[in-house]
Amino acid sequence: MNLKHSKQRDSIKEFLSTRKDHPTADVVYMNVRKSFPNISLGTVYRNLTLLADIGEIARLRIGDGADHFDYDTSPHYHFVCLECGEVSDFDFPFMEHIIENARKSFKGDIKGQTTYFYGHCESCSKQQMSICDADCI
C-alpha cells in the first residue's frame, strides 16, 4: 500500500516502538499530543487502525473493551493480568505446529492464530500472597 507520508503517523509508530506495555489509543493520544498538540483522538485512532490493517503494528483485543497496540508484529504470545490489567509479551516459544495442525483439520483457509494467557502478574501475585499471609494469621 502506498501511503501519503504523515509526520503524525510516524510519531505514533515511533511512540509504539518504545513501548512494551501494549498501550491503548488513549495512551498513545496523550503521548503523541506532546509533539502534536492539535492532534485529535480520532486522528490517532484512525492512524492506529490503518497501521494495524496494513500489518505495520498489531491490534490486540484482550476483552477489556479497548484495543491495545503492539509494535512487534512477529508471532508471539501475550499475558493479561486479571487484577491490574497489564498486557505484556509472554516469553514463551511460539508454537507454529498449532497452526499447521489446525490447517490439516480445517477445510477452510487459516491465516493465523491469537492466544492470550490470563492470570495474575508477578506483582499482583505477590500482593495477593501478602494479603493472604496477613489474613491467615
Protein backbone atom coordinates (compact mmCIF):
# COMPACT_ATOMS: atom_id res chain seq x y z
CA MET A 1 0.00 0.00 0.00
CA ASN A 2 1.38 3.38 -0.99
CA LEU A 3 0.52 5.81 1.82
CA LYS A 4 0.99 9.53 1.81
CA HIS A 5 3.70 10.40 4.33
CA SER A 6 2.42 11.67 7.67
CA LYS A 7 4.53 13.08 10.50
CA GLN A 8 1.70 12.25 12.90
CA ARG A 9 1.66 8.61 11.78
CA ASP A 10 5.44 8.45 12.08
CA SER A 11 5.17 9.85 15.62
CA ILE A 12 2.58 7.22 16.54
CA LYS A 13 4.81 4.42 15.24
CA GLU A 14 7.87 5.87 16.95
CA PHE A 15 5.99 6.07 20.27
CA LEU A 16 4.80 2.45 19.95
CA SER A 17 8.33 1.30 19.12
CA THR A 18 9.46 2.45 22.58
CA ARG A 19 6.73 0.59 24.47
CA LYS A 20 6.34 -3.00 25.62
CA ASP A 21 3.11 -2.46 27.57
CA HIS A 22 0.73 -2.52 24.58
CA PRO A 23 -0.94 0.87 25.11
CA THR A 24 -4.50 1.81 24.21
CA ALA A 25 -5.37 4.56 21.73
CA ASP A 26 -5.96 6.91 24.68
CA VAL A 27 -2.42 6.37 25.99
CA VAL A 28 -0.96 6.84 22.50
CA TYR A 29 -3.02 10.02 22.09
CA MET A 30 -1.90 11.51 25.42
CA ASN A 31 1.75 10.96 24.49
CA VAL A 32 1.63 11.97 20.81
CA ARG A 33 -0.14 15.20 21.84
CA LYS A 34 3.14 16.32 23.39
CA SER A 35 4.60 16.64 19.87
CA PHE A 36 1.34 17.45 18.06
CA PRO A 37 -0.88 19.48 20.45
CA ASN A 38 -3.67 19.85 17.87
CA ILE A 39 -3.97 16.14 17.04
CA SER A 40 -7.35 14.61 17.84
CA LEU A 41 -8.10 11.26 19.41
CA GLY A 42 -9.98 10.38 16.21
CA THR A 43 -6.87 11.01 14.11
CA VAL A 44 -4.78 8.84 16.42
CA TYR A 45 -7.36 6.05 16.34
CA ARG A 46 -7.71 6.21 12.53
CA ASN A 47 -3.93 6.02 12.13
CA LEU A 48 -3.63 3.13 14.60
CA THR A 49 -6.40 1.29 12.74
CA LEU A 50 -4.74 1.94 9.38
CA LEU A 51 -1.34 0.79 10.64
CA ALA A 52 -2.90 -2.37 12.08
CA ASP A 53 -4.88 -3.04 8.89
CA ILE A 54 -1.74 -2.86 6.73
CA GLY A 55 0.26 -5.00 9.19
CA GLU A 56 2.75 -2.39 10.41
CA ILE A 57 1.53 -2.80 14.01
CA ALA A 58 -0.66 -5.37 15.76
CA ARG A 59 -4.06 -4.68 17.32
CA LEU A 60 -4.83 -6.74 20.44
CA ARG A 61 -8.37 -7.31 21.61
CA ILE A 62 -7.96 -8.79 25.07
CA GLY A 63 -11.56 -8.48 26.25
CA ASP A 64 -11.36 -5.29 28.31
CA GLY A 65 -13.32 -3.21 25.78
CA ALA A 66 -10.28 -1.30 24.47
CA ASP A 67 -7.96 -2.08 21.61
CA HIS A 68 -4.31 -2.34 22.61
CA PHE A 69 -1.49 -1.85 20.11
CA ASP A 70 1.83 -3.64 19.71
CA TYR A 71 4.75 -2.50 17.56
CA ASP A 72 6.05 -6.09 17.43
CA THR A 73 4.19 -7.91 14.66
CA SER A 74 6.20 -11.12 14.91
CA PRO A 75 4.31 -14.21 16.11
CA HIS A 76 4.34 -14.19 19.91
CA TYR A 77 2.02 -14.61 22.88
CA HIS A 78 0.65 -12.12 25.39
CA PHE A 79 -0.14 -12.29 29.08
CA VAL A 80 -3.04 -10.30 30.56
CA CYS A 81 -3.22 -9.71 34.31
CA LEU A 82 -6.76 -10.16 35.61
CA GLU A 83 -6.00 -7.93 38.60
CA CYS A 84 -4.20 -4.82 37.28
CA GLY A 85 -4.96 -5.21 33.56
CA GLU A 86 -1.30 -5.19 32.48
CA VAL A 87 -0.74 -6.58 28.98
CA SER A 88 2.76 -7.87 28.34
CA ASP A 89 4.66 -10.07 25.93
CA PHE A 90 4.82 -13.63 27.20
CA ASP A 91 8.30 -15.04 26.67
CA PHE A 92 7.32 -18.50 25.54
CA PRO A 93 8.32 -20.22 22.29
CA PHE A 94 5.74 -19.66 19.57
CA MET A 95 4.22 -22.98 18.54
CA GLU A 96 3.94 -22.93 14.76
CA HIS A 97 2.75 -26.56 14.85
CA ILE A 98 -0.59 -25.40 16.29
CA ILE A 99 -1.37 -23.53 13.07
CA GLU A 100 -0.08 -26.42 10.95
CA ASN A 101 -2.29 -28.92 12.81
CA ALA A 102 -5.28 -26.61 12.60
CA ARG A 103 -4.81 -26.23 8.84
CA LYS A 104 -4.80 -30.03 8.49
CA SER A 105 -8.02 -30.31 10.49
CA PHE A 106 -9.93 -27.41 8.92
CA LYS A 107 -11.35 -27.35 5.40
CA GLY A 108 -11.18 -23.54 5.16
CA ASP A 109 -8.19 -21.23 5.00
CA ILE A 110 -6.50 -20.43 8.34
CA LYS A 111 -4.30 -17.32 8.19
CA GLY A 112 -3.06 -17.27 11.79
CA GLN A 113 -4.00 -17.55 15.44
CA THR A 114 -4.06 -15.43 18.57
CA THR A 115 -3.50 -16.75 22.06
CA TYR A 116 -3.73 -14.78 25.29
CA PHE A 117 -2.70 -16.16 28.65
CA TYR A 118 -4.66 -14.79 31.61
CA GLY A 119 -3.81 -14.82 35.30
CA HIS A 120 -2.02 -12.63 37.83
CA CYS A 121 1.26 -10.88 37.05
CA GLU A 122 4.21 -11.27 39.39
CA SER A 123 3.45 -8.03 41.25
CA CYS A 124 -0.25 -8.85 41.79
CA SER A 125 0.60 -12.44 42.79
CA LYS A 126 2.99 -11.15 45.46
CA GLN A 127 0.33 -8.70 46.70
CA GLN A 128 -2.23 -11.48 46.97
CA MET A 129 0.24 -13.67 48.85
CA SER A 130 0.99 -10.90 51.36
CA ILE A 131 -2.74 -10.22 51.86
CA CYS A 132 -3.39 -13.92 52.42
CA ASP A 133 -0.44 -14.15 54.84
CA ALA A 134 -1.79 -11.20 56.84
CA ASP A 135 -5.40 -12.51 56.83
CA CYS A 136 -4.41 -16.07 57.65
CA ILE A 137 -2.54 -15.23 60.84
